[in-house]
C-alpha atoms as a PDB file:
ATOM      1  CA  UNK A   1      -4.057  60.660  37.522  1.00  0.00           C
ATOM      2  CA  UNK A   2      -0.878  60.044  38.951  1.00  0.00           C
ATOM      3  CA  UNK A   3      -0.071  62.445  41.349  1.00  0.00           C
ATOM      4  CA  UNK A   4       2.729  62.531  43.943  1.00  0.00           C
ATOM      5  CA  UNK A   5       2.958  64.072  47.706  1.00  0.00           C
ATOM      6  CA  UNK A   6       6.029  66.800  48.374  1.00  0.00           C
ATOM      7  CA  UNK A   7       7.410  67.368  52.103  1.00  0.00           C
ATOM      8  CA  UNK A   8       7.357  71.317  53.091  1.00  0.00           C
ATOM      9  CA  UNK A   9       8.230  71.145  56.499  1.00  0.00           C
ATOM     10  CA  UNK A  10      11.427  71.243  58.249  1.00  0.00           C
ATOM     11  CA  UNK A  11      11.564  67.896  59.512  1.00  0.00           C
ATOM     12  CA  UNK A  12      10.173  64.299  58.489  1.00  0.00           C
ATOM     13  CA  UNK A  13       6.659  63.964  57.702  1.00  0.00           C
ATOM     14  CA  UNK A  14       4.855  59.607  58.154  1.00  0.00           C
ATOM     15  CA  UNK A  15       2.407  59.233  55.881  1.00  0.00           C
ATOM     16  CA  UNK A  16      -0.786  56.383  56.299  1.00  0.00           C
ATOM     17  CA  UNK A  17      -1.829  55.612  52.902  1.00  0.00           C
ATOM     18  CA  UNK A  18      -5.338  54.463  52.156  1.00  0.00           C
ATOM     19  CA  UNK A  19      -4.189  50.427  50.770  1.00  0.00           C
ATOM     20  CA  UNK A  20      -2.111  50.699  54.426  1.00  0.00           C
ATOM     21  CA  UNK A  21       1.115  51.296  53.706  1.00  0.00           C
ATOM     22  CA  UNK A  22       3.079  54.305  55.649  1.00  0.00           C
ATOM     23  CA  UNK A  23       5.890  56.459  53.384  1.00  0.00           C
ATOM     24  CA  UNK A  24       8.629  58.114  55.719  1.00  0.00           C
ATOM     25  CA  UNK A  25       9.569  61.662  53.474  1.00  0.00           C
ATOM     26  CA  UNK A  26      12.304  63.428  54.526  1.00  0.00           C
ATOM     27  CA  UNK A  27      12.135  67.372  54.796  1.00  0.00           C
ATOM     28  CA  UNK A  28      11.860  68.450  51.019  1.00  0.00           C
ATOM     29  CA  UNK A  29      11.340  64.932  49.452  1.00  0.00           C
ATOM     30  CA  UNK A  30       8.814  64.159  46.754  1.00  0.00           C
ATOM     31  CA  UNK A  31       7.667  60.525  46.494  1.00  0.00           C
ATOM     32  CA  UNK A  32       7.394  58.832  43.691  1.00  0.00           C
ATOM     33  CA  UNK A  33       4.121  58.788  41.543  1.00  0.00           C
ATOM     34  CA  UNK A  34       0.981  57.280  43.611  1.00  0.00           C
ATOM     35  CA  UNK A  35      -2.224  56.597  42.371  1.00  0.00           C
ATOM     36  CA  UNK A  36      -4.740  58.695  42.563  1.00  0.00           C
ATOM     37  CA  UNK A  37      -7.066  56.699  44.783  1.00  0.00           C
ATOM     38  CA  UNK A  38      -3.926  56.193  47.454  1.00  0.00           C
ATOM     39  CA  UNK A  39      -4.473  59.554  47.910  1.00  0.00           C
ATOM     40  CA  UNK A  40      -7.494  61.908  46.750  1.00  0.00           C
ATOM     41  CA  UNK A  41     -10.384  61.912  49.828  1.00  0.00           C
ATOM     42  CA  UNK A  42      -7.268  60.499  52.015  1.00  0.00           C
ATOM     43  CA  UNK A  43      -8.553  62.085  55.715  1.00  0.00           C
ATOM     44  CA  UNK A  44      -5.580  61.124  57.280  1.00  0.00           C
ATOM     45  CA  UNK A  45      -3.750  63.723  54.253  1.00  0.00           C
ATOM     46  CA  UNK A  46      -6.290  65.988  54.537  1.00  0.00           C
ATOM     47  CA  UNK A  47      -5.224  67.581  57.419  1.00  0.00           C
ATOM     48  CA  UNK A  48      -1.557  67.836  56.709  1.00  0.00           C
ATOM     49  CA  UNK A  49      -2.660  69.859  53.187  1.00  0.00           C
ATOM     50  CA  UNK A  50      -4.013  72.027  55.874  1.00  0.00           C
ATOM     51  CA  UNK A  51      -1.570  73.000  57.849  1.00  0.00           C
ATOM     52  CA  UNK A  52       0.855  73.340  54.776  1.00  0.00           C
ATOM     53  CA  UNK A  53       3.325  70.462  55.806  1.00  0.00           C
ATOM     54  CA  UNK A  54       3.023  68.170  52.582  1.00  0.00           C
ATOM     55  CA  UNK A  55       1.578  69.580  49.174  1.00  0.00           C
ATOM     56  CA  UNK A  56       0.116  66.629  46.388  1.00  0.00           C
ATOM     57  CA  UNK A  57       0.559  67.328  42.774  1.00  0.00           C
ATOM     58  CA  UNK A  58      -0.342  66.142  39.843  1.00  0.00           C
ATOM     59  CA  UNK A  59       1.518  64.119  37.636  1.00  0.00           C
ATOM     60  CA  UNK A  60       1.462  65.365  33.859  1.00  0.00           C
ATOM     61  CA  UNK A  61       1.545  62.929  30.949  1.00  0.00           C
ATOM     62  CA  UNK A  62       4.467  62.114  29.826  1.00  0.00           C
ATOM     63  CA  UNK A  63       4.925  62.896  25.853  1.00  0.00           C
ATOM     64  CA  UNK A  64       6.880  60.266  24.088  1.00  0.00           C
ATOM     65  CA  UNK A  65       7.064  59.925  20.726  1.00  0.00           C
ATOM     66  CA  UNK A  66       5.851  57.090  19.626  1.00  0.00           C
ATOM     67  CA  UNK A  67       6.519  54.744  15.852  1.00  0.00           C
ATOM     68  CA  UNK A  68       2.804  54.042  15.751  1.00  0.00           C
ATOM     69  CA  UNK A  69       1.585  57.796  15.499  1.00  0.00           C
ATOM     70  CA  UNK A  70       2.579  60.209  13.212  1.00  0.00           C
ATOM     71  CA  UNK A  71       5.640  59.400  10.546  1.00  0.00           C
ATOM     72  CA  UNK A  72       7.349  54.956  10.755  1.00  0.00           C
ATOM     73  CA  UNK A  73      11.147  55.441  11.444  1.00  0.00           C
ATOM     74  CA  UNK A  74      13.193  56.175   8.888  1.00  0.00           C
ATOM     75  CA  UNK A  75      15.751  53.551   7.709  1.00  0.00           C
ATOM     76  CA  UNK A  76      19.158  53.822   6.237  1.00  0.00           C
ATOM     77  CA  UNK A  77      18.682  52.444   2.855  1.00  0.00           C
ATOM     78  CA  UNK A  78      20.567  49.508   1.746  1.00  0.00           C
ATOM     79  CA  UNK A  79      24.479  50.123   0.050  1.00  0.00           C
ATOM     80  CA  UNK A  80      24.526  49.876  -3.301  1.00  0.00           C
ATOM     81  CA  UNK A  81      27.165  47.088  -4.689  1.00  0.00           C
ATOM     82  CA  UNK A  82      29.631  48.560  -7.664  1.00  0.00           C
END
């Protein structure tokens, strides 16, 4: 499940992900969606979470309407010729 990281400190926080990427978050900023594998069990992020500097939040799956599920999309009836 994807997740985001929010900087809860008053200053910039530098985050190191498992794939080697570094993210710099300004105070109060939130990352775009990240793969769960980049964040969970990350020994570099764990101390920041424990100290309350960052908050890791799961991203809820987006509920979008799909025409494949449920009733098909309605199309207007053709105009009658008179």
